[in-house]
PDB file of N, CA and C in Angstrom:
ATOM      1  N   MET A   1       4.758 101.425  55.885  1.00  0.00           N
ATOM      2  CA  MET A   1       5.607 101.788  54.768  1.00  0.00           C
ATOM      3  C   MET A   1       4.711 102.229  53.625  1.00  0.00           C
ATOM      4  N   SER A   2       5.104 103.277  52.940  1.00  0.00           N
ATOM      5  CA  SER A   2       4.267 103.827  51.885  1.00  0.00           C
ATOM      6  C   SER A   2       4.323 102.979  50.624  1.00  0.00           C
ATOM      7  N   LYS A   3       3.413 103.292  49.710  1.00  0.00           N
ATOM      8  CA  LYS A   3       3.355 102.582  48.444  1.00  0.00           C
ATOM      9  C   LYS A   3       4.661 102.767  47.672  1.00  0.00           C
ATOM     10  N   ILE A   4       5.237 103.957  47.767  1.00  0.00           N
ATOM     11  CA  ILE A   4       6.488 104.247  47.072  1.00  0.00           C
ATOM     12  C   ILE A   4       7.597 103.341  47.572  1.00  0.00           C
ATOM     13  N   ALA A   5       7.738 103.248  48.868  1.00  0.00           N
ATOM     14  CA  ALA A   5       8.804 102.417  49.430  1.00  0.00           C
ATOM     15  C   ALA A   5       8.598 100.961  49.052  1.00  0.00           C
ATOM     16  N   LYS A   6       7.353 100.504  49.067  1.00  0.00           N
ATOM     17  CA  LYS A   6       7.087  99.118  48.694  1.00  0.00           C
ATOM     18  C   LYS A   6       7.470  98.883  47.239  1.00  0.00           C
ATOM     19  N   ARG A   7       7.197  99.875  46.385  1.00  0.00           N
ATOM     20  CA  ARG A   7       7.515  99.734  44.978  1.00  0.00           C
ATOM     21  C   ARG A   7       9.022  99.663  44.767  1.00  0.00           C
ATOM     22  N   HIS A   8       9.772 100.407  45.549  1.00  0.00           N
ATOM     23  CA  HIS A   8      11.204 100.504  45.332  1.00  0.00           C
ATOM     24  C   HIS A   8      12.025  99.594  46.236  1.00  0.00           C
ATOM     25  N   VAL A   9      11.445  99.034  47.265  1.00  0.00           N
ATOM     26  CA  VAL A   9      12.212  98.195  48.185  1.00  0.00           C
ATOM     27  C   VAL A   9      11.581  96.825  48.275  1.00  0.00           C
ATOM     28  N   GLY A  10      11.792  96.042  47.276  1.00  0.00           N
ATOM     29  CA  GLY A  10      11.377  94.643  47.294  1.00  0.00           C
ATOM     30  C   GLY A  10       9.889  94.414  47.144  1.00  0.00           C
ATOM     31  N   ARG A  11       9.575  93.282  46.562  1.00  0.00           N
ATOM     32  CA  ARG A  11       8.185  92.887  46.368  1.00  0.00           C
ATOM     33  C   ARG A  11       7.948  91.494  46.919  1.00  0.00           C
ATOM     34  N   ARG A  12       8.766  91.046  47.796  1.00  0.00           N
ATOM     35  CA  ARG A  12       8.696  89.660  48.247  1.00  0.00           C
ATOM     36  C   ARG A  12       7.703  89.420  49.355  1.00  0.00           C
ATOM     37  N   GLY A  13       6.963  90.362  49.741  1.00  0.00           N
ATOM     38  CA  GLY A  13       6.024  90.119  50.821  1.00  0.00           C
ATOM     39  C   GLY A  13       5.696  91.403  51.531  1.00  0.00           C
ATOM     40  N   GLN A  14       5.506  91.278  52.804  1.00  0.00           N
ATOM     41  CA  GLN A  14       5.094  92.423  53.596  1.00  0.00           C
ATOM     42  C   GLN A  14       6.241  93.392  53.786  1.00  0.00           C
ATOM     43  N   SER A  15       5.863  94.613  54.151  1.00  0.00           N
ATOM     44  CA  SER A  15       6.880  95.614  54.427  1.00  0.00           C
ATOM     45  C   SER A  15       7.660  95.209  55.671  1.00  0.00           C
ATOM     46  N   PRO A  16       8.880  95.713  55.796  1.00  0.00           N
ATOM     47  CA  PRO A  16       9.699  95.329  56.941  1.00  0.00           C
ATOM     48  C   PRO A  16       9.015  95.653  58.270  1.00  0.00           C
ATOM     49  N   ARG A  17       9.176  94.773  59.223  1.00  0.00           N
ATOM     50  CA  ARG A  17       8.643  94.977  60.571  1.00  0.00           C
ATOM     51  C   ARG A  17       9.639  95.795  61.371  1.00  0.00           C
ATOM     52  N   PRO A  18       9.228  96.281  62.533  1.00  0.00           N
ATOM     53  CA  PRO A  18      10.204  96.983  63.373  1.00  0.00           C
ATOM     54  C   PRO A  18      11.438  96.110  63.576  1.00  0.00           C
ATOM     55  N   ALA A  19      12.572  96.753  63.542  1.00  0.00           N
ATOM     56  CA  ALA A  19      13.841  96.017  63.556  1.00  0.00           C
ATOM     57  C   ALA A  19      14.035  95.244  64.846  1.00  0.00           C
ATOM     58  N   LYS A  20      14.001  93.933  64.744  1.00  0.00           N
ATOM     59  CA  LYS A  20      14.326  93.065  65.865  1.00  0.00           C
ATOM     60  C   LYS A  20      15.623  92.334  65.560  1.00  0.00           C
ATOM     61  N   THR A  21      15.994  92.362  64.287  1.00  0.00           N
ATOM     62  CA  THR A  21      17.214  91.703  63.871  1.00  0.00           C
ATOM     63  C   THR A  21      18.023  92.685  63.041  1.00  0.00           C
ATOM     64  N   ILE A  22      19.240  92.335  62.776  1.00  0.00           N
ATOM     65  CA  ILE A  22      20.079  93.176  61.923  1.00  0.00           C
ATOM     66  C   ILE A  22      19.481  93.260  60.527  1.00  0.00           C
ATOM     67  N   VAL A  23      18.933  92.164  60.036  1.00  0.00           N
ATOM     68  CA  VAL A  23      18.323  92.161  58.705  1.00  0.00           C
ATOM     69  C   VAL A  23      17.128  93.108  58.672  1.00  0.00           C
ATOM     70  N   GLY A  24      16.295  93.063  59.703  1.00  0.00           N
ATOM     71  CA  GLY A  24      15.141  93.963  59.767  1.00  0.00           C
ATOM     72  C   GLY A  24      15.560  95.424  59.788  1.00  0.00           C
ATOM     73  N   LEU A  25      16.582  95.725  60.551  1.00  0.00           N
ATOM     74  CA  LEU A  25      17.089  97.095  60.623  1.00  0.00           C
ATOM     75  C   LEU A  25      17.636  97.526  59.269  1.00  0.00           C
ATOM     76  N   TYR A  26      18.361  96.636  58.618  1.00  0.00           N
ATOM     77  CA  TYR A  26      18.924  96.938  57.313  1.00  0.00           C
ATOM     78  C   TYR A  26      17.825  97.249  56.299  1.00  0.00           C
ATOM     79  N   LEU A  27      16.749  96.461  56.302  1.00  0.00           N
ATOM     80  CA  LEU A  27      15.638  96.707  55.385  1.00  0.00           C
ATOM     81  C   LEU A  27      14.994  98.057  55.640  1.00  0.00           C
ATOM     82  N   GLU A  28      14.839  98.422  56.899  1.00  0.00           N
ATOM     83  CA  GLU A  28      14.259  99.718  57.232  1.00  0.00           C
ATOM     84  C   GLU A  28      15.163 100.853  56.793  1.00  0.00           C
ATOM     85  N   LEU A  29      16.452 100.706  56.974  1.00  0.00           N
ATOM     86  CA  LEU A  29      17.388 101.748  56.569  1.00  0.00           C
ATOM     87  C   LEU A  29      17.399 101.924  55.054  1.00  0.00           C
ATOM     88  N   ARG A  30      17.307 100.807  54.321  1.00  0.00           N
ATOM     89  CA  ARG A  30      17.239 100.902  52.864  1.00  0.00           C
ATOM     90  C   ARG A  30      15.997 101.670  52.442  1.00  0.00           C
ATOM     91  N   ALA A  31      14.861 101.335  53.035  1.00  0.00           N
ATOM     92  CA  ALA A  31      13.609 102.016  52.694  1.00  0.00           C
ATOM     93  C   ALA A  31      13.701 103.498  53.038  1.00  0.00           C
ATOM     94  N   ALA A  32      14.308 103.805  54.168  1.00  0.00           N
ATOM     95  CA  ALA A  32      14.439 105.194  54.599  1.00  0.00           C
ATOM     96  C   ALA A  32      15.341 105.986  53.661  1.00  0.00           C
ATOM     97  N   ARG A  33      16.198 105.321  52.966  1.00  0.00           N
ATOM     98  CA  ARG A  33      17.115 105.978  52.039  1.00  0.00           C
ATOM     99  C   ARG A  33      16.451 106.235  50.691  1.00  0.00           C
ATOM    100  N   VAL A  34      15.661 105.303  50.214  1.00  0.00           N
ATOM    101  CA  VAL A  34      15.059 105.390  48.889  1.00  0.00           C
ATOM    102  C   VAL A  34      13.799 106.255  48.900  1.00  0.00           C
ATOM    103  N   GLU A  35      12.935 106.024  49.856  1.00  0.00           N
ATOM    104  CA  GLU A  35      11.623 106.676  49.875  1.00  0.00           C
ATOM    105  C   GLU A  35      11.683 108.205  49.844  1.00  0.00           C
ATOM    106  N   PRO A  36      12.513 108.868  50.657  1.00  0.00           N
ATOM    107  CA  PRO A  36      12.527 110.335  50.614  1.00  0.00           C
ATOM    108  C   PRO A  36      12.934 110.898  49.255  1.00  0.00           C
ATOM    109  N   VAL A  37      13.836 110.237  48.586  1.00  0.00           N
ATOM    110  CA  VAL A  37      14.275 110.706  47.262  1.00  0.00           C
ATOM    111  C   VAL A  37      13.130 110.606  46.269  1.00  0.00           C
ATOM    112  N   ILE A  38      12.449 109.467  46.263  1.00  0.00           N
ATOM    113  CA  ILE A  38      11.343 109.274  45.321  1.00  0.00           C
ATOM    114  C   ILE A  38      10.204 110.237  45.632  1.00  0.00           C
ATOM    115  N   LYS A  39       9.875 110.413  46.902  1.00  0.00           N
ATOM    116  CA  LYS A  39       8.809 111.355  47.273  1.00  0.00           C
ATOM    117  C   LYS A  39       9.162 112.776  46.843  1.00  0.00           C
ATOM    118  N   ALA A  40      10.402 113.197  47.066  1.00  0.00           N
ATOM    119  CA  ALA A  40      10.826 114.543  46.678  1.00  0.00           C
ATOM    120  C   ALA A  40      10.764 114.718  45.165  1.00  0.00           C
ATOM    121  N   ALA A  41      11.161 113.699  44.433  1.00  0.00           N
ATOM    122  CA  ALA A  41      11.092 113.760  42.967  1.00  0.00           C
ATOM    123  C   ALA A  41       9.644 113.866  42.505  1.00  0.00           C
ATOM    124  N   GLU A  42       8.743 113.142  43.160  1.00  0.00           N
ATOM    125  CA  GLU A  42       7.320 113.233  42.812  1.00  0.00           C
ATOM    126  C   GLU A  42       6.788 114.633  43.111  1.00  0.00           C
ATOM    127  N   ARG A  43       7.116 115.171  44.300  1.00  0.00           N
ATOM    128  CA  ARG A  43       6.662 116.524  44.655  1.00  0.00           C
ATOM    129  C   ARG A  43       7.187 117.569  43.685  1.00  0.00           C
ATOM    130  N   SER A  44       8.387 117.352  43.177  1.00  0.00           N
ATOM    131  CA  SER A  44       9.006 118.303  42.250  1.00  0.00           C
ATOM    132  C   SER A  44       8.477 118.160  40.829  1.00  0.00           C
ATOM    133  N   GLY A  45       7.634 117.168  40.610  1.00  0.00           N
ATOM    134  CA  GLY A  45       7.068 116.951  39.286  1.00  0.00           C
ATOM    135  C   GLY A  45       8.001 116.221  38.334  1.00  0.00           C
ATOM    136  N   LEU A  46       9.085 115.681  38.871  1.00  0.00           N
ATOM    137  CA  LEU A  46      10.059 115.016  38.006  1.00  0.00           C
ATOM    138  C   LEU A  46       9.603 113.640  37.534  1.00  0.00           C
ATOM    139  N   LEU A  47       8.621 113.058  38.196  1.00  0.00           N
ATOM    140  CA  LEU A  47       8.183 111.708  37.835  1.00  0.00           C
ATOM    141  C   LEU A  47       6.787 111.685  37.218  1.00  0.00           C
ATOM    142  N   ASN A  48       6.250 112.853  36.895  1.00  0.00           N
ATOM    143  CA  ASN A  48       4.884 112.926  36.375  1.00  0.00           C
ATOM    144  C   ASN A  48       4.705 112.208  35.050  1.00  0.00           C
ATOM    145  N   GLU A  49       5.578 112.482  34.106  1.00  0.00           N
ATOM    146  CA  GLU A  49       5.439 111.906  32.771  1.00  0.00           C
ATOM    147  C   GLU A  49       6.572 110.931  32.510  1.00  0.00           C
ATOM    148  N   LYS A  50       6.216 109.797  31.990  1.00  0.00           N
ATOM    149  CA  LYS A  50       7.225 108.809  31.587  1.00  0.00           C
ATOM    150  C   LYS A  50       7.275 108.851  30.064  1.00  0.00           C
ATOM    151  N   ASP A  51       7.934 109.883  29.545  1.00  0.00           N
ATOM    152  CA  ASP A  51       7.913 110.111  28.108  1.00  0.00           C
ATOM    153  C   ASP A  51       9.291 109.989  27.462  1.00  0.00           C
ATOM    154  N   SER A  52      10.229 109.393  28.179  1.00  0.00           N
ATOM    155  CA  SER A  52      11.563 109.241  27.633  1.00  0.00           C
ATOM    156  C   SER A  52      12.090 107.846  27.940  1.00  0.00           C
ATOM    157  N   ARG A  53      13.070 107.459  27.179  1.00  0.00           N
ATOM    158  CA  ARG A  53      13.667 106.135  27.348  1.00  0.00           C
ATOM    159  C   ARG A  53      15.170 106.318  27.443  1.00  0.00           C
ATOM    160  N   ILE A  54      15.806 105.504  28.290  1.00  0.00           N
ATOM    161  CA  ILE A  54      17.249 105.574  28.442  1.00  0.00           C
ATOM    162  C   ILE A  54      17.816 104.166  28.338  1.00  0.00           C
ATOM    163  N   GLY A  55      18.976 104.068  27.775  1.00  0.00           N
ATOM    164  CA  GLY A  55      19.607 102.755  27.651  1.00  0.00           C
ATOM    165  C   GLY A  55      21.116 102.917  27.663  1.00  0.00           C
ATOM    166  N   GLY A  56      21.781 101.885  28.029  1.00  0.00           N
ATOM    167  CA  GLY A  56      23.236 101.942  28.026  1.00  0.00           C
ATOM    168  C   GLY A  56      23.809 100.623  28.494  1.00  0.00           C
ATOM    169  N   ARG A  57      25.075 100.439  28.278  1.00  0.00           N
ATOM    170  CA  ARG A  57      25.744  99.222  28.699  1.00  0.00           C
ATOM    171  C   ARG A  57      26.570  99.544  29.920  1.00  0.00           C
ATOM    172  N   VAL A  58      26.294  98.839  31.008  1.00  0.00           N
ATOM    173  CA  VAL A  58      27.032  99.028  32.251  1.00  0.00           C
ATOM    174  C   VAL A  58      27.355  97.663  32.839  1.00  0.00           C
ATOM    175  N   SER A  59      28.258  97.661  33.776  1.00  0.00           N
ATOM    176  CA  SER A  59      28.695  96.437  34.421  1.00  0.00           C
ATOM    177  C   SER A  59      27.554  95.790  35.212  1.00  0.00           C
ATOM    178  N   ARG A  60      27.373  94.498  35.043  1.00  0.00           N
ATOM    179  CA  ARG A  60      26.363  93.753  35.814  1.00  0.00           C
ATOM    180  C   ARG A  60      26.691  93.834  37.301  1.00  0.00           C
ATOM    181  N   LYS A  61      27.985  93.813  37.646  1.00  0.00           N
ATOM    182  CA  LYS A  61      28.391  93.916  39.056  1.00  0.00           C
ATOM    183  C   LYS A  61      27.932  95.242  39.658  1.00  0.00           C
ATOM    184  N   LEU A  62      28.049  96.318  38.882  1.00  0.00           N
ATOM    185  CA  LEU A  62      27.604  97.632  39.348  1.00  0.00           C
ATOM    186  C   LEU A  62      26.103  97.631  39.613  1.00  0.00           C
ATOM    187  N   ILE A  63      25.343  97.080  38.699  1.00  0.00           N
ATOM    188  CA  ILE A  63      23.889  97.016  38.853  1.00  0.00           C
ATOM    189  C   ILE A  63      23.510  96.169  40.063  1.00  0.00           C
ATOM    190  N   ASP A  64      24.108  94.992  40.170  1.00  0.00           N
ATOM    191  CA  ASP A  64      23.788  94.092  41.284  1.00  0.00           C
ATOM    192  C   ASP A  64      24.119  94.723  42.631  1.00  0.00           C
ATOM    193  N   GLN A  65      25.277  95.370  42.720  1.00  0.00           N
ATOM    194  CA  GLN A  65      25.665  96.013  43.984  1.00  0.00           C
ATOM    195  C   GLN A  65      24.709  97.151  44.320  1.00  0.00           C
ATOM    196  N   ALA A  66      24.355  97.953  43.332  1.00  0.00           N
ATOM    197  CA  ALA A  66      23.418  99.062  43.568  1.00  0.00           C
ATOM    198  C   ALA A  66      22.060  98.540  44.024  1.00  0.00           C
ATOM    199  N   LYS A  67      21.595  97.452  43.435  1.00  0.00           N
ATOM    200  CA  LYS A  67      20.319  96.868  43.841  1.00  0.00           C
ATOM    201  C   LYS A  67      20.395  96.331  45.262  1.00  0.00           C
ATOM    202  N   ARG A  68      21.512  95.684  45.599  1.00  0.00           N
ATOM    203  CA  ARG A  68      21.672  95.188  46.979  1.00  0.00           C
ATOM    204  C   ARG A  68      21.692  96.338  47.975  1.00  0.00           C
ATOM    205  N   ARG A  69      22.406  97.405  47.650  1.00  0.00           N
ATOM    206  CA  ARG A  69      22.541  98.532  48.574  1.00  0.00           C
ATOM    207  C   ARG A  69      21.226  99.269  48.784  1.00  0.00           C
ATOM    208  N   THR A  70      20.391  99.327  47.745  1.00  0.00           N
ATOM    209  CA  THR A  70      19.140 100.078  47.842  1.00  0.00           C
ATOM    210  C   THR A  70      17.925  99.208  48.114  1.00  0.00           C
ATOM    211  N   GLY A  71      18.002  97.944  47.766  1.00  0.00           N
ATOM    212  CA  GLY A  71      16.839  97.077  47.880  1.00  0.00           C
ATOM    213  C   GLY A  71      15.916  97.170  46.685  1.00  0.00           C
ATOM    214  N   ILE A  72      16.282  97.951  45.718  1.00  0.00           N
ATOM    215  CA  ILE A  72      15.491  98.108  44.496  1.00  0.00           C
ATOM    216  C   ILE A  72      15.705  96.875  43.632  1.00  0.00           C
ATOM    217  N   GLU A  73      14.615  96.355  43.064  1.00  0.00           N
ATOM    218  CA  GLU A  73      14.702  95.104  42.322  1.00  0.00           C
ATOM    219  C   GLU A  73      14.713  95.258  40.805  1.00  0.00           C
ATOM    220  N   THR A  74      14.112  96.317  40.269  1.00  0.00           N
ATOM    221  CA  THR A  74      14.047  96.439  38.811  1.00  0.00           C
ATOM    222  C   THR A  74      15.046  97.469  38.308  1.00  0.00           C
ATOM    223  N   ASP A  75      15.530  97.243  37.088  1.00  0.00           N
ATOM    224  CA  ASP A  75      16.475  98.179  36.481  1.00  0.00           C
ATOM    225  C   ASP A  75      15.845  99.563  36.319  1.00  0.00           C
ATOM    226  N   THR A  76      14.587  99.595  35.898  1.00  0.00           N
ATOM    227  CA  THR A  76      13.900 100.870  35.698  1.00  0.00           C
ATOM    228  C   THR A  76      13.822 101.669  36.987  1.00  0.00           C
ATOM    229  N   ASP A  77      13.418 101.019  38.084  1.00  0.00           N
ATOM    230  CA  ASP A  77      13.328 101.722  39.366  1.00  0.00           C
ATOM    231  C   ASP A  77      14.698 102.170  39.853  1.00  0.00           C
ATOM    232  N   LEU A  78      15.724 101.372  39.587  1.00  0.00           N
ATOM    233  CA  LEU A  78      17.077 101.732  39.989  1.00  0.00           C
ATOM    234  C   LEU A  78      17.552 102.969  39.228  1.00  0.00           C
ATOM    235  N   ILE A  79      17.315 103.000  37.932  1.00  0.00           N
ATOM    236  CA  ILE A  79      17.696 104.166  37.125  1.00  0.00           C
ATOM    237  C   ILE A  79      16.929 105.396  37.586  1.00  0.00           C
ATOM    238  N   GLU A  80      15.632 105.232  37.849  1.00  0.00           N
ATOM    239  CA  GLU A  80      14.809 106.348  38.312  1.00  0.00           C
ATOM    240  C   GLU A  80      15.341 106.908  39.632  1.00  0.00           C
ATOM    241  N   PHE A  81      15.681 106.033  40.563  1.00  0.00           N
ATOM    242  CA  PHE A  81      16.220 106.457  41.851  1.00  0.00           C
ATOM    243  C   PHE A  81      17.558 107.168  41.669  1.00  0.00           C
ATOM    244  N   ALA A  82      18.441 106.597  40.856  1.00  0.00           N
ATOM    245  CA  ALA A  82      19.761 107.200  40.650  1.00  0.00           C
ATOM    246  C   ALA A  82      19.640 108.587  40.021  1.00  0.00           C
ATOM    247  N   LEU A  83      18.795 108.722  39.010  1.00  0.00           N
ATOM    248  CA  LEU A  83      18.615 110.019  38.360  1.00  0.00           C
ATOM    249  C   LEU A  83      17.965 111.031  39.295  1.00  0.00           C
ATOM    250  N   ALA A  84      16.992 110.592  40.083  1.00  0.00           N
ATOM    251  CA  ALA A  84      16.346 111.489  41.049  1.00  0.00           C
ATOM    252  C   ALA A  84      17.360 111.967  42.076  1.00  0.00           C
ATOM    253  N   ASN A  85      18.244 111.081  42.509  1.00  0.00           N
ATOM    254  CA  ASN A  85      19.290 111.451  43.462  1.00  0.00           C
ATOM    255  C   ASN A  85      20.146 112.582  42.917  1.00  0.00           C
ATOM    256  N   ILE A  86      20.510 112.483  41.662  1.00  0.00           N
ATOM    257  CA  ILE A  86      21.339 113.509  41.037  1.00  0.00           C
ATOM    258  C   ILE A  86      20.543 114.792  40.821  1.00  0.00           C
ATOM    259  N   ALA A  87      19.319 114.652  40.309  1.00  0.00           N
ATOM    260  CA  ALA A  87      18.495 115.819  40.007  1.00  0.00           C
ATOM    261  C   ALA A  87      18.152 116.624  41.255  1.00  0.00           C
ATOM    262  N   LEU A  88      18.018 115.947  42.384  1.00  0.00           N
ATOM    263  CA  LEU A  88      17.606 116.611  43.624  1.00  0.00           C
ATOM    264  C   LEU A  88      18.771 116.910  44.555  1.00  0.00           C
ATOM    265  N   GLU A  89      19.981 116.641  44.120  1.00  0.00           N
ATOM    266  CA  GLU A  89      21.149 116.807  44.972  1.00  0.00           C
ATOM    267  C   GLU A  89      21.164 118.207  45.587  1.00  0.00           C
ATOM    268  N   ASP A  90      21.354 118.243  46.891  1.00  0.00           N
ATOM    269  CA  ASP A  90      21.383 119.557  47.539  1.00  0.00           C
ATOM    270  C   ASP A  90      22.743 120.222  47.312  1.00  0.00           C
ATOM    271  N   ARG A  91      22.760 121.504  47.485  1.00  0.00           N
ATOM    272  CA  ARG A  91      23.980 122.275  47.292  1.00  0.00           C
ATOM    273  C   ARG A  91      24.493 122.787  48.635  1.00  0.00           C
ATOM    274  N   PHE A  92      24.339 121.993  49.689  1.00  0.00           N
ATOM    275  CA  PHE A  92      24.677 122.458  51.031  1.00  0.00           C
ATOM    276  C   PHE A  92      26.108 122.981  51.111  1.00  0.00           C
ATOM    277  N   ALA A  93      27.066 122.216  50.642  1.00  0.00           N
ATOM    278  CA  ALA A  93      28.470 122.623  50.760  1.00  0.00           C
ATOM    279  C   ALA A  93      28.727 123.939  50.031  1.00  0.00           C
ATOM    280  N   GLU A  94      28.180 124.066  48.827  1.00  0.00           N
ATOM    281  CA  GLU A  94      28.371 125.296  48.058  1.00  0.00           C
ATOM    282  C   GLU A  94      27.728 126.494  48.750  1.00  0.00           C
ATOM    283  N   VAL A  95      26.500 126.325  49.205  1.00  0.00           N
ATOM    284  CA  VAL A  95      25.785 127.413  49.870  1.00  0.00           C
ATOM    285  C   VAL A  95      26.481 127.775  51.178  1.00  0.00           C
ATOM    286  N   PHE A  96      26.959 126.768  51.897  1.00  0.00           N
ATOM    287  CA  PHE A  96      27.663 127.011  53.156  1.00  0.00           C
ATOM    288  C   PHE A  96      28.919 127.847  52.908  1.00  0.00           C
ATOM    289  N   LYS A  97      29.674 127.503  51.877  1.00  0.00           N
ATOM    290  CA  LYS A  97      30.886 128.273  51.547  1.00  0.00           C
ATOM    291  C   LYS A  97      30.535 129.698  51.129  1.00  0.00           C
ATOM    292  N   GLU A  98      29.455 129.852  50.365  1.00  0.00           N
ATOM    293  CA  GLU A  98      29.037 131.176  49.901  1.00  0.00           C
ATOM    294  C   GLU A  98      28.614 132.072  51.055  1.00  0.00           C
ATOM    295  N   SER A  99      28.143 131.474  52.155  1.00  0.00           N
ATOM    296  CA  SER A  99      27.665 132.282  53.283  1.00  0.00           C
ATOM    297  C   SER A  99      28.785 132.698  54.224  1.00  0.00           C
ATOM    298  N   ARG A 100      29.998 132.215  53.999  1.00  0.00           N
ATOM    299  CA  ARG A 100      31.133 132.537  54.864  1.00  0.00           C
ATOM    300  C   ARG A 100      31.329 134.052  54.952  1.00  0.00           C
ATOM    301  N   GLY A 101      31.397 134.549  56.185  1.00  0.00           N
ATOM    302  CA  GLY A 101      31.647 135.963  56.428  1.00  0.00           C
ATOM    303  C   GLY A 101      30.425 136.856  56.281  1.00  0.00           C
ATOM    304  N   LYS A 102      29.252 136.271  56.084  1.00  0.00           N
ATOM    305  CA  LYS A 102      28.046 137.070  55.890  1.00  0.00           C
ATOM    306  C   LYS A 102      27.210 137.219  57.152  1.00  0.00           C
ATOM    307  N   VAL A 103      27.587 136.527  58.224  1.00  0.00           N
ATOM    308  CA  VAL A 103      26.867 136.662  59.488  1.00  0.00           C
ATOM    309  C   VAL A 103      27.543 137.762  60.292  1.00  0.00           C
ATOM    310  N   ASP A 104      26.752 138.709  60.757  1.00  0.00           N
ATOM    311  CA  ASP A 104      27.285 139.832  61.529  1.00  0.00           C
ATOM    312  C   ASP A 104      27.977 139.311  62.783  1.00  0.00           C
ATOM    313  N   SER A 105      29.209 139.731  63.013  1.00  0.00           N
ATOM    314  CA  SER A 105      29.989 139.250  64.151  1.00  0.00           C
ATOM    315  C   SER A 105      29.428 139.724  65.487  1.00  0.00           C
ATOM    316  N   ASP A 106      28.522 140.700  65.475  1.00  0.00           N
ATOM    317  CA  ASP A 106      27.928 141.184  66.723  1.00  0.00           C
ATOM    318  C   ASP A 106      26.717 140.374  67.155  1.00  0.00           C
ATOM    319  N   ILE A 107      26.262 139.448  66.344  1.00  0.00           N
ATOM    320  CA  ILE A 107      25.086 138.642  66.692  1.00  0.00           C
ATOM    321  C   ILE A 107      25.451 137.697  67.824  1.00  0.00           C
ATOM    322  N   LYS A 108      24.567 137.650  68.858  1.00  0.00           N
ATOM    323  CA  LYS A 108      24.779 136.733  69.985  1.00  0.00           C
ATOM    324  C   LYS A 108      24.117 135.415  69.639  1.00  0.00           C
ATOM    325  N   LEU A 109      24.925 134.360  69.627  1.00  0.00           N
ATOM    326  CA  LEU A 109      24.439 133.053  69.235  1.00  0.00           C
ATOM    327  C   LEU A 109      24.056 132.187  70.422  1.00  0.00           C
ATOM    328  N   GLY A 110      24.135 132.713  71.627  1.00  0.00           N
ATOM    329  CA  GLY A 110      23.679 131.969  72.797  1.00  0.00           C
ATOM    330  C   GLY A 110      24.760 131.147  73.474  1.00  0.00           C
ATOM    331  N   PHE A 111      25.987 131.332  73.111  1.00  0.00           N
ATOM    332  CA  PHE A 111      27.060 130.642  73.817  1.00  0.00           C
ATOM    333  C   PHE A 111      28.302 131.495  73.859  1.00  0.00           C
TER     334      PHE A 111
END
């Protein structure tokens, strides 16, 4: 597990082992969900400078549930992950709709 995943998915010990139990599988799935987003945000330069501060009042239940679902332990890392998710959101559905009718009907697709 990379340094990024360790930073964002718990600090209680070693990285998750290969899934032998449901808990082990769950930990791996959480890491697999968080790590790609953080890596993509780093590659995009979105995490280079920590020059801004954000604050707000939100439900403790919302925060706790989000932390459980992601495995992220700190509020700062949770906010960073949530914002990166939004900033990097793909436009697959929009692009797919825009491409409708643009493929030549004479193209053989192999079936």
